[in-house]
Amino acid sequence: MAQRGFTILEILAAIGLLGLLLSIGAMNIRFVQGQMKAVQDIRQLATAIGYARDEAVRLRTNVRISFQSNSYTVDLYDDGTIEQIYYLTKNSSWKNGTPLSIRFNGLGLARGISSSSTTLAINNGGSSTMLSVNTNGYIAL
């Protein structure tokens, strides 16, 4: 009479295969989490840039966004007083180095960018996302 069941070798092979599949899934989860954090950071940045432009037009004054290694600030009236500070999420950084500041004038036009538009990119866990701001102050994700 034949016995039914699995040998030790078959069980070990199945466990090894399961472990391999789980490790691949864990790597993909980390990548997706990094991508989600980068998207969260870029949306927050787009909101802050829109806020700065709107306030410049509303107050008819200059508003500056200054960038630091892990944060950026909004300075109403461009007088050195920081009204808002935004931090990047954990493990996020500026791709291609920390950008320079952007200043919006009372007409909502962006100044302080090098050409007709500038691209800001955020990297997290090997995944990056970016937005661009043109001299008219428009944001494109």
N, C-alpha and C. Protein backbone atom coordinates (compact mmCIF):
# COMPACT_ATOMS: atom_id res chain seq x y z
N MET A 1 0.83 -1.17 0.00
CA MET A 1 0.00 0.00 0.00
C MET A 1 0.89 1.25 0.00
N ALA A 2 0.62 2.17 -0.94
CA ALA A 2 1.43 3.38 -1.07
C ALA A 2 1.00 4.43 -0.05
N GLN A 3 1.99 5.09 0.53
CA GLN A 3 1.68 6.15 1.49
C GLN A 3 1.60 7.48 0.74
N ARG A 4 0.71 8.30 1.21
CA ARG A 4 0.55 9.61 0.59
C ARG A 4 1.22 10.66 1.46
N GLY A 5 1.73 11.70 0.82
CA GLY A 5 2.37 12.79 1.56
C GLY A 5 3.52 13.37 0.76
N PHE A 6 4.23 14.26 1.39
CA PHE A 6 5.34 14.93 0.74
C PHE A 6 6.64 14.52 1.40
N THR A 7 7.69 14.50 0.62
CA THR A 7 9.01 14.23 1.20
C THR A 7 9.57 15.53 1.76
N ILE A 8 10.58 15.39 2.59
CA ILE A 8 11.24 16.57 3.16
C ILE A 8 11.79 17.44 2.04
N LEU A 9 12.36 16.86 1.03
CA LEU A 9 12.92 17.62 -0.09
C LEU A 9 11.85 18.44 -0.80
N GLU A 10 10.68 17.89 -1.01
CA GLU A 10 9.59 18.63 -1.66
C GLU A 10 9.11 19.78 -0.78
N ILE A 11 9.02 19.55 0.52
CA ILE A 11 8.60 20.62 1.44
C ILE A 11 9.62 21.74 1.46
N LEU A 12 10.90 21.40 1.52
CA LEU A 12 11.95 22.44 1.53
C LEU A 12 11.96 23.23 0.22
N ALA A 13 11.74 22.55 -0.90
CA ALA A 13 11.69 23.26 -2.19
C ALA A 13 10.50 24.22 -2.22
N ALA A 14 9.35 23.78 -1.71
CA ALA A 14 8.17 24.65 -1.69
C ALA A 14 8.40 25.86 -0.78
N ILE A 15 9.02 25.65 0.38
CA ILE A 15 9.31 26.75 1.30
C ILE A 15 10.30 27.73 0.68
N GLY A 16 11.32 27.19 0.02
CA GLY A 16 12.30 28.05 -0.66
C GLY A 16 11.66 28.90 -1.74
N LEU A 17 10.79 28.29 -2.54
CA LEU A 17 10.10 29.03 -3.60
C LEU A 17 9.19 30.10 -3.01
N LEU A 18 8.49 29.76 -1.94
CA LEU A 18 7.62 30.73 -1.28
C LEU A 18 8.44 31.91 -0.73
N GLY A 19 9.58 31.61 -0.13
CA GLY A 19 10.46 32.67 0.38
C GLY A 19 10.95 33.60 -0.72
N LEU A 20 11.31 33.02 -1.86
CA LEU A 20 11.75 33.82 -3.00
C LEU A 20 10.64 34.74 -3.49
N LEU A 21 9.45 34.22 -3.62
CA LEU A 21 8.31 35.03 -4.07
C LEU A 21 7.99 36.15 -3.07
N LEU A 22 8.06 35.85 -1.78
CA LEU A 22 7.81 36.88 -0.77
C LEU A 22 8.86 37.97 -0.79
N SER A 23 10.12 37.61 -1.00
CA SER A 23 11.17 38.64 -1.03
C SER A 23 11.03 39.55 -2.24
N ILE A 24 10.64 38.98 -3.38
CA ILE A 24 10.40 39.81 -4.57
C ILE A 24 9.22 40.75 -4.32
N GLY A 25 8.17 40.23 -3.70
CA GLY A 25 7.02 41.08 -3.37
C GLY A 25 7.38 42.19 -2.41
N ALA A 26 8.23 41.90 -1.42
CA ALA A 26 8.64 42.93 -0.45
C ALA A 26 9.43 44.04 -1.13
N MET A 27 10.30 43.69 -2.09
CA MET A 27 11.06 44.71 -2.82
C MET A 27 10.13 45.61 -3.62
N ASN A 28 9.13 45.00 -4.26
CA ASN A 28 8.17 45.79 -5.03
C ASN A 28 7.34 46.70 -4.14
N ILE A 29 6.99 46.23 -2.96
CA ILE A 29 6.22 47.05 -2.02
C ILE A 29 7.04 48.27 -1.61
N ARG A 30 8.34 48.09 -1.33
CA ARG A 30 9.18 49.23 -0.96
C ARG A 30 9.28 50.23 -2.09
N PHE A 31 9.40 49.75 -3.33
CA PHE A 31 9.46 50.66 -4.47
C PHE A 31 8.17 51.44 -4.62
N VAL A 32 7.03 50.76 -4.48
CA VAL A 32 5.73 51.42 -4.61
C VAL A 32 5.54 52.44 -3.48
N GLN A 33 5.97 52.10 -2.26
CA GLN A 33 5.87 53.04 -1.15
C GLN A 33 6.71 54.29 -1.43
N GLY A 34 7.92 54.10 -1.95
CA GLY A 34 8.76 55.25 -2.31
C GLY A 34 8.12 56.10 -3.38
N GLN A 35 7.52 55.43 -4.36
CA GLN A 35 6.85 56.16 -5.43
C GLN A 35 5.66 56.95 -4.89
N MET A 36 4.90 56.36 -3.97
CA MET A 36 3.75 57.06 -3.39
C MET A 36 4.20 58.26 -2.57
N LYS A 37 5.30 58.13 -1.83
CA LYS A 37 5.81 59.26 -1.04
C LYS A 37 6.31 60.37 -1.95
N ALA A 38 6.97 60.02 -3.05
CA ALA A 38 7.44 61.03 -3.99
C ALA A 38 6.26 61.77 -4.62
N VAL A 39 5.21 61.05 -4.97
CA VAL A 39 4.01 61.69 -5.53
C VAL A 39 3.34 62.58 -4.49
N GLN A 40 3.29 62.12 -3.24
CA GLN A 40 2.73 62.94 -2.16
C GLN A 40 3.53 64.22 -2.00
N ASP A 41 4.85 64.13 -2.03
CA ASP A 41 5.70 65.32 -1.90
C ASP A 41 5.50 66.28 -3.07
N ILE A 42 5.41 65.76 -4.29
CA ILE A 42 5.28 66.65 -5.44
C ILE A 42 3.92 67.32 -5.48
N ARG A 43 2.88 66.64 -5.02
CA ARG A 43 1.55 67.27 -4.94
C ARG A 43 1.53 68.35 -3.88
N GLN A 44 2.16 68.09 -2.75
CA GLN A 44 2.25 69.12 -1.71
C GLN A 44 3.03 70.33 -2.22
N LEU A 45 4.10 70.08 -2.98
CA LEU A 45 4.88 71.16 -3.56
C LEU A 45 4.04 71.96 -4.56
N ALA A 46 3.27 71.26 -5.40
CA ALA A 46 2.41 71.96 -6.37
C ALA A 46 1.39 72.83 -5.65
N THR A 47 0.84 72.32 -4.55
CA THR A 47 -0.12 73.10 -3.76
C THR A 47 0.55 74.33 -3.17
N ALA A 48 1.75 74.18 -2.63
CA ALA A 48 2.48 75.31 -2.04
C ALA A 48 2.84 76.35 -3.09
N ILE A 49 3.25 75.91 -4.27
CA ILE A 49 3.58 76.86 -5.34
C ILE A 49 2.32 77.60 -5.78
N GLY A 50 1.22 76.89 -5.92
CA GLY A 50 -0.05 77.54 -6.27
C GLY A 50 -0.48 78.54 -5.21
N TYR A 51 -0.32 78.17 -3.95
CA TYR A 51 -0.64 79.08 -2.85
C TYR A 51 0.22 80.33 -2.92
N ALA A 52 1.52 80.16 -3.13
CA ALA A 52 2.43 81.31 -3.20
C ALA A 52 2.05 82.24 -4.35
N ARG A 53 1.74 81.67 -5.49
CA ARG A 53 1.35 82.49 -6.65
C ARG A 53 0.04 83.22 -6.37
N ASP A 54 -0.94 82.52 -5.81
CA ASP A 54 -2.22 83.15 -5.49
C ASP A 54 -2.06 84.28 -4.49
N GLU A 55 -1.22 84.07 -3.48
CA GLU A 55 -1.00 85.11 -2.48
C GLU A 55 -0.26 86.31 -3.07
N ALA A 56 0.65 86.06 -4.00
CA ALA A 56 1.35 87.17 -4.65
C ALA A 56 0.36 88.05 -5.42
N VAL A 57 -0.56 87.41 -6.12
CA VAL A 57 -1.56 88.17 -6.88
C VAL A 57 -2.53 88.86 -5.92
N ARG A 58 -2.99 88.14 -4.91
CA ARG A 58 -3.97 88.71 -3.96
C ARG A 58 -3.39 89.91 -3.20
N LEU A 59 -2.14 89.78 -2.76
CA LEU A 59 -1.52 90.85 -1.97
C LEU A 59 -0.80 91.89 -2.83
N ARG A 60 -0.69 91.61 -4.14
CA ARG A 60 0.03 92.50 -5.06
C ARG A 60 1.44 92.79 -4.57
N THR A 61 2.13 91.70 -4.23
CA THR A 61 3.50 91.82 -3.72
C THR A 61 4.30 90.60 -4.17
N ASN A 62 5.57 90.58 -3.82
CA ASN A 62 6.42 89.44 -4.13
C ASN A 62 6.27 88.37 -3.06
N VAL A 63 6.24 87.13 -3.50
CA VAL A 63 6.22 85.98 -2.59
C VAL A 63 7.30 85.02 -3.08
N ARG A 64 8.14 84.59 -2.15
CA ARG A 64 9.27 83.73 -2.51
C ARG A 64 9.11 82.33 -1.91
N ILE A 65 9.44 81.33 -2.72
CA ILE A 65 9.57 79.96 -2.22
C ILE A 65 11.06 79.65 -2.26
N SER A 66 11.61 79.32 -1.09
CA SER A 66 13.03 78.98 -0.99
C SER A 66 13.16 77.50 -0.67
N PHE A 67 14.14 76.87 -1.26
CA PHE A 67 14.32 75.43 -1.11
C PHE A 67 15.55 75.12 -0.27
N GLN A 68 15.40 74.18 0.67
CA GLN A 68 16.50 73.67 1.47
C GLN A 68 16.65 72.19 1.17
N SER A 69 17.61 71.54 1.80
CA SER A 69 17.90 70.14 1.47
C SER A 69 16.73 69.20 1.71
N ASN A 70 15.93 69.42 2.76
CA ASN A 70 14.81 68.51 3.03
C ASN A 70 13.50 69.25 3.25
N SER A 71 13.43 70.51 2.81
CA SER A 71 12.22 71.29 3.03
C SER A 71 12.18 72.46 2.04
N TYR A 72 11.09 73.22 2.10
CA TYR A 72 10.97 74.48 1.36
C TYR A 72 10.06 75.39 2.15
N THR A 73 10.23 76.69 1.96
CA THR A 73 9.50 77.67 2.74
C THR A 73 8.81 78.67 1.83
N VAL A 74 7.72 79.25 2.34
CA VAL A 74 7.00 80.31 1.64
C VAL A 74 7.18 81.59 2.44
N ASP A 75 7.65 82.63 1.77
CA ASP A 75 7.92 83.92 2.41
C ASP A 75 7.04 84.98 1.74
N LEU A 76 5.92 85.34 2.39
CA LEU A 76 5.06 86.41 1.88
C LEU A 76 5.81 87.73 1.98
N TYR A 77 5.59 88.60 1.07
CA TYR A 77 6.23 89.92 0.98
C TYR A 77 7.72 89.83 0.69
N ASP A 78 8.28 88.63 0.55
CA ASP A 78 9.70 88.45 0.23
C ASP A 78 10.58 89.28 1.16
N ASP A 79 10.26 89.24 2.47
CA ASP A 79 10.97 90.07 3.44
C ASP A 79 11.84 89.28 4.42
N GLY A 80 12.01 87.99 4.16
CA GLY A 80 12.84 87.16 5.03
C GLY A 80 12.09 86.52 6.18
N THR A 81 10.80 86.82 6.32
CA THR A 81 9.98 86.20 7.36
C THR A 81 9.27 84.99 6.76
N ILE A 82 9.52 83.83 7.33
CA ILE A 82 8.95 82.59 6.80
C ILE A 82 7.56 82.39 7.39
N GLU A 83 6.56 82.35 6.51
CA GLU A 83 5.18 82.14 6.95
C GLU A 83 4.78 80.67 6.93
N GLN A 84 5.32 79.91 6.01
CA GLN A 84 4.99 78.48 5.89
C GLN A 84 6.27 77.70 5.66
N ILE A 85 6.37 76.52 6.29
CA ILE A 85 7.48 75.61 6.01
C ILE A 85 6.90 74.23 5.74
N TYR A 86 7.41 73.59 4.71
CA TYR A 86 6.96 72.26 4.30
C TYR A 86 8.16 71.34 4.30
N TYR A 87 8.02 70.17 4.91
CA TYR A 87 9.10 69.19 4.94
C TYR A 87 8.81 68.06 3.97
N LEU A 88 9.86 67.57 3.33
CA LEU A 88 9.72 66.39 2.48
C LEU A 88 9.52 65.17 3.38
N THR A 89 8.84 64.15 2.86
CA THR A 89 8.62 62.95 3.65
C THR A 89 9.94 62.20 3.84
N LYS A 90 9.91 61.24 4.74
CA LYS A 90 11.10 60.46 5.07
C LYS A 90 11.69 59.82 3.81
N ASN A 91 12.99 59.89 3.69
CA ASN A 91 13.77 59.33 2.58
C ASN A 91 13.60 60.08 1.26
N SER A 92 12.88 61.20 1.25
CA SER A 92 12.75 61.99 0.03
C SER A 92 13.89 62.99 -0.06
N SER A 93 14.28 63.29 -1.27
CA SER A 93 15.33 64.29 -1.51
C SER A 93 15.09 64.91 -2.87
N TRP A 94 15.73 66.05 -3.09
CA TRP A 94 15.63 66.71 -4.38
C TRP A 94 16.51 65.95 -5.37
N LYS A 95 15.96 65.62 -6.49
CA LYS A 95 16.75 64.98 -7.53
C LYS A 95 17.54 66.07 -8.24
N ASN A 96 18.76 65.83 -8.56
CA ASN A 96 19.65 66.79 -9.23
C ASN A 96 20.00 67.98 -8.34
N GLY A 97 20.02 67.80 -7.03
CA GLY A 97 20.43 68.87 -6.12
C GLY A 97 19.30 69.79 -5.72
N THR A 98 19.55 70.56 -4.67
CA THR A 98 18.55 71.49 -4.15
C THR A 98 18.32 72.62 -5.14
N PRO A 99 17.05 72.87 -5.53
CA PRO A 99 16.78 73.95 -6.49
C PRO A 99 16.98 75.33 -5.85
N LEU A 100 17.05 76.33 -6.70
CA LEU A 100 17.11 77.71 -6.23
C LEU A 100 15.71 78.16 -5.85
N SER A 101 15.58 79.39 -5.42
CA SER A 101 14.26 79.89 -5.03
C SER A 101 13.47 80.35 -6.26
N ILE A 102 12.16 80.43 -6.07
CA ILE A 102 11.26 80.98 -7.09
C ILE A 102 10.52 82.14 -6.44
N ARG A 103 10.47 83.27 -7.13
CA ARG A 103 9.76 84.44 -6.61
C ARG A 103 8.63 84.77 -7.57
N PHE A 104 7.43 84.92 -7.00
CA PHE A 104 6.28 85.36 -7.79
C PHE A 104 6.05 86.83 -7.52
N ASN A 105 5.82 87.61 -8.59
CA ASN A 105 5.52 89.02 -8.40
C ASN A 105 4.01 89.23 -8.29
N GLY A 106 3.57 90.46 -8.13
CA GLY A 106 2.16 90.77 -7.93
C GLY A 106 1.26 90.42 -9.10
N LEU A 107 1.84 90.14 -10.25
CA LEU A 107 1.06 89.71 -11.42
C LEU A 107 1.01 88.18 -11.53
N GLY A 108 1.67 87.48 -10.60
CA GLY A 108 1.69 86.02 -10.62
C GLY A 108 2.74 85.43 -11.52
N LEU A 109 3.65 86.28 -12.02
CA LEU A 109 4.71 85.79 -12.89
C LEU A 109 5.87 85.26 -12.05
N ALA A 110 6.45 84.14 -12.47
CA ALA A 110 7.55 83.52 -11.74
C ALA A 110 8.87 84.12 -12.19
N ARG A 111 9.67 84.50 -11.23
CA ARG A 111 11.01 85.03 -11.50
C ARG A 111 12.01 84.18 -10.72
N GLY A 112 13.25 84.23 -11.14
CA GLY A 112 14.27 83.45 -10.47
C GLY A 112 14.43 82.06 -11.04
N ILE A 113 13.76 81.80 -12.16
CA ILE A 113 13.98 80.53 -12.83
C ILE A 113 14.82 80.78 -14.07
N SER A 114 15.60 79.79 -14.43
CA SER A 114 16.66 80.01 -15.41
C SER A 114 16.18 80.24 -16.84
N SER A 115 15.14 79.58 -17.26
CA SER A 115 14.68 79.72 -18.65
C SER A 115 13.17 79.93 -18.66
N SER A 116 12.52 79.50 -19.72
CA SER A 116 11.08 79.69 -19.80
C SER A 116 10.33 78.83 -18.78
N SER A 117 10.97 77.77 -18.30
CA SER A 117 10.37 76.96 -17.24
C SER A 117 11.48 76.27 -16.46
N THR A 118 11.15 75.83 -15.27
CA THR A 118 12.10 75.08 -14.46
C THR A 118 11.43 73.81 -13.97
N THR A 119 12.21 72.76 -13.84
CA THR A 119 11.68 71.47 -13.40
C THR A 119 12.18 71.18 -12.00
N LEU A 120 11.27 70.81 -11.13
CA LEU A 120 11.60 70.40 -9.77
C LEU A 120 11.28 68.92 -9.66
N ALA A 121 12.25 68.13 -9.20
CA ALA A 121 12.06 66.69 -9.10
C ALA A 121 12.37 66.21 -7.69
N ILE A 122 11.57 65.26 -7.22
CA ILE A 122 11.76 64.68 -5.89
C ILE A 122 11.97 63.18 -6.05
N ASN A 123 12.96 62.66 -5.35
CA ASN A 123 13.32 61.26 -5.42
C ASN A 123 13.04 60.59 -4.07
N ASN A 124 12.49 59.38 -4.11
CA ASN A 124 12.27 58.61 -2.89
C ASN A 124 12.36 57.13 -3.23
N GLY A 125 13.31 56.43 -2.62
CA GLY A 125 13.43 54.99 -2.80
C GLY A 125 13.65 54.56 -4.23
N GLY A 126 14.42 55.32 -4.99
CA GLY A 126 14.69 54.95 -6.37
C GLY A 126 13.62 55.39 -7.35
N SER A 127 12.55 55.98 -6.86
CA SER A 127 11.48 56.46 -7.71
C SER A 127 11.44 57.98 -7.65
N SER A 128 11.26 58.62 -8.78
CA SER A 128 11.21 60.07 -8.76
C SER A 128 9.98 60.56 -9.53
N THR A 129 9.57 61.75 -9.17
CA THR A 129 8.46 62.41 -9.86
C THR A 129 8.80 63.89 -9.94
N MET A 130 8.23 64.59 -10.90
CA MET A 130 8.62 65.98 -11.10
C MET A 130 7.45 66.85 -11.52
N LEU A 131 7.67 68.15 -11.38
CA LEU A 131 6.74 69.15 -11.89
C LEU A 131 7.55 70.26 -12.51
N SER A 132 6.92 71.03 -13.36
CA SER A 132 7.61 72.18 -13.94
C SER A 132 6.78 73.43 -13.70
N VAL A 133 7.48 74.54 -13.55
CA VAL A 133 6.86 75.85 -13.38
C VAL A 133 7.40 76.74 -14.49
N ASN A 134 6.50 77.38 -15.23
CA ASN A 134 7.00 78.28 -16.27
C ASN A 134 6.99 79.72 -15.77
N THR A 135 7.49 80.62 -16.58
CA THR A 135 7.63 82.01 -16.15
C THR A 135 6.29 82.70 -15.93
N ASN A 136 5.21 82.17 -16.50
CA ASN A 136 3.88 82.72 -16.24
C ASN A 136 3.30 82.22 -14.94
N GLY A 137 4.01 81.30 -14.25
CA GLY A 137 3.57 80.80 -12.97
C GLY A 137 2.70 79.57 -13.05
N TYR A 138 2.57 78.99 -14.23
CA TYR A 138 1.74 77.81 -14.38
C TYR A 138 2.53 76.55 -14.01
N ILE A 139 1.83 75.61 -13.39
CA ILE A 139 2.44 74.38 -12.91
C ILE A 139 1.95 73.23 -13.77
N ALA A 140 2.87 72.36 -14.17
CA ALA A 140 2.52 71.14 -14.91
C ALA A 140 3.12 69.95 -14.17
N LEU A 141 2.26 68.99 -13.86
CA LEU A 141 2.75 67.76 -13.18
C LEU A 141 3.15 66.73 -14.20
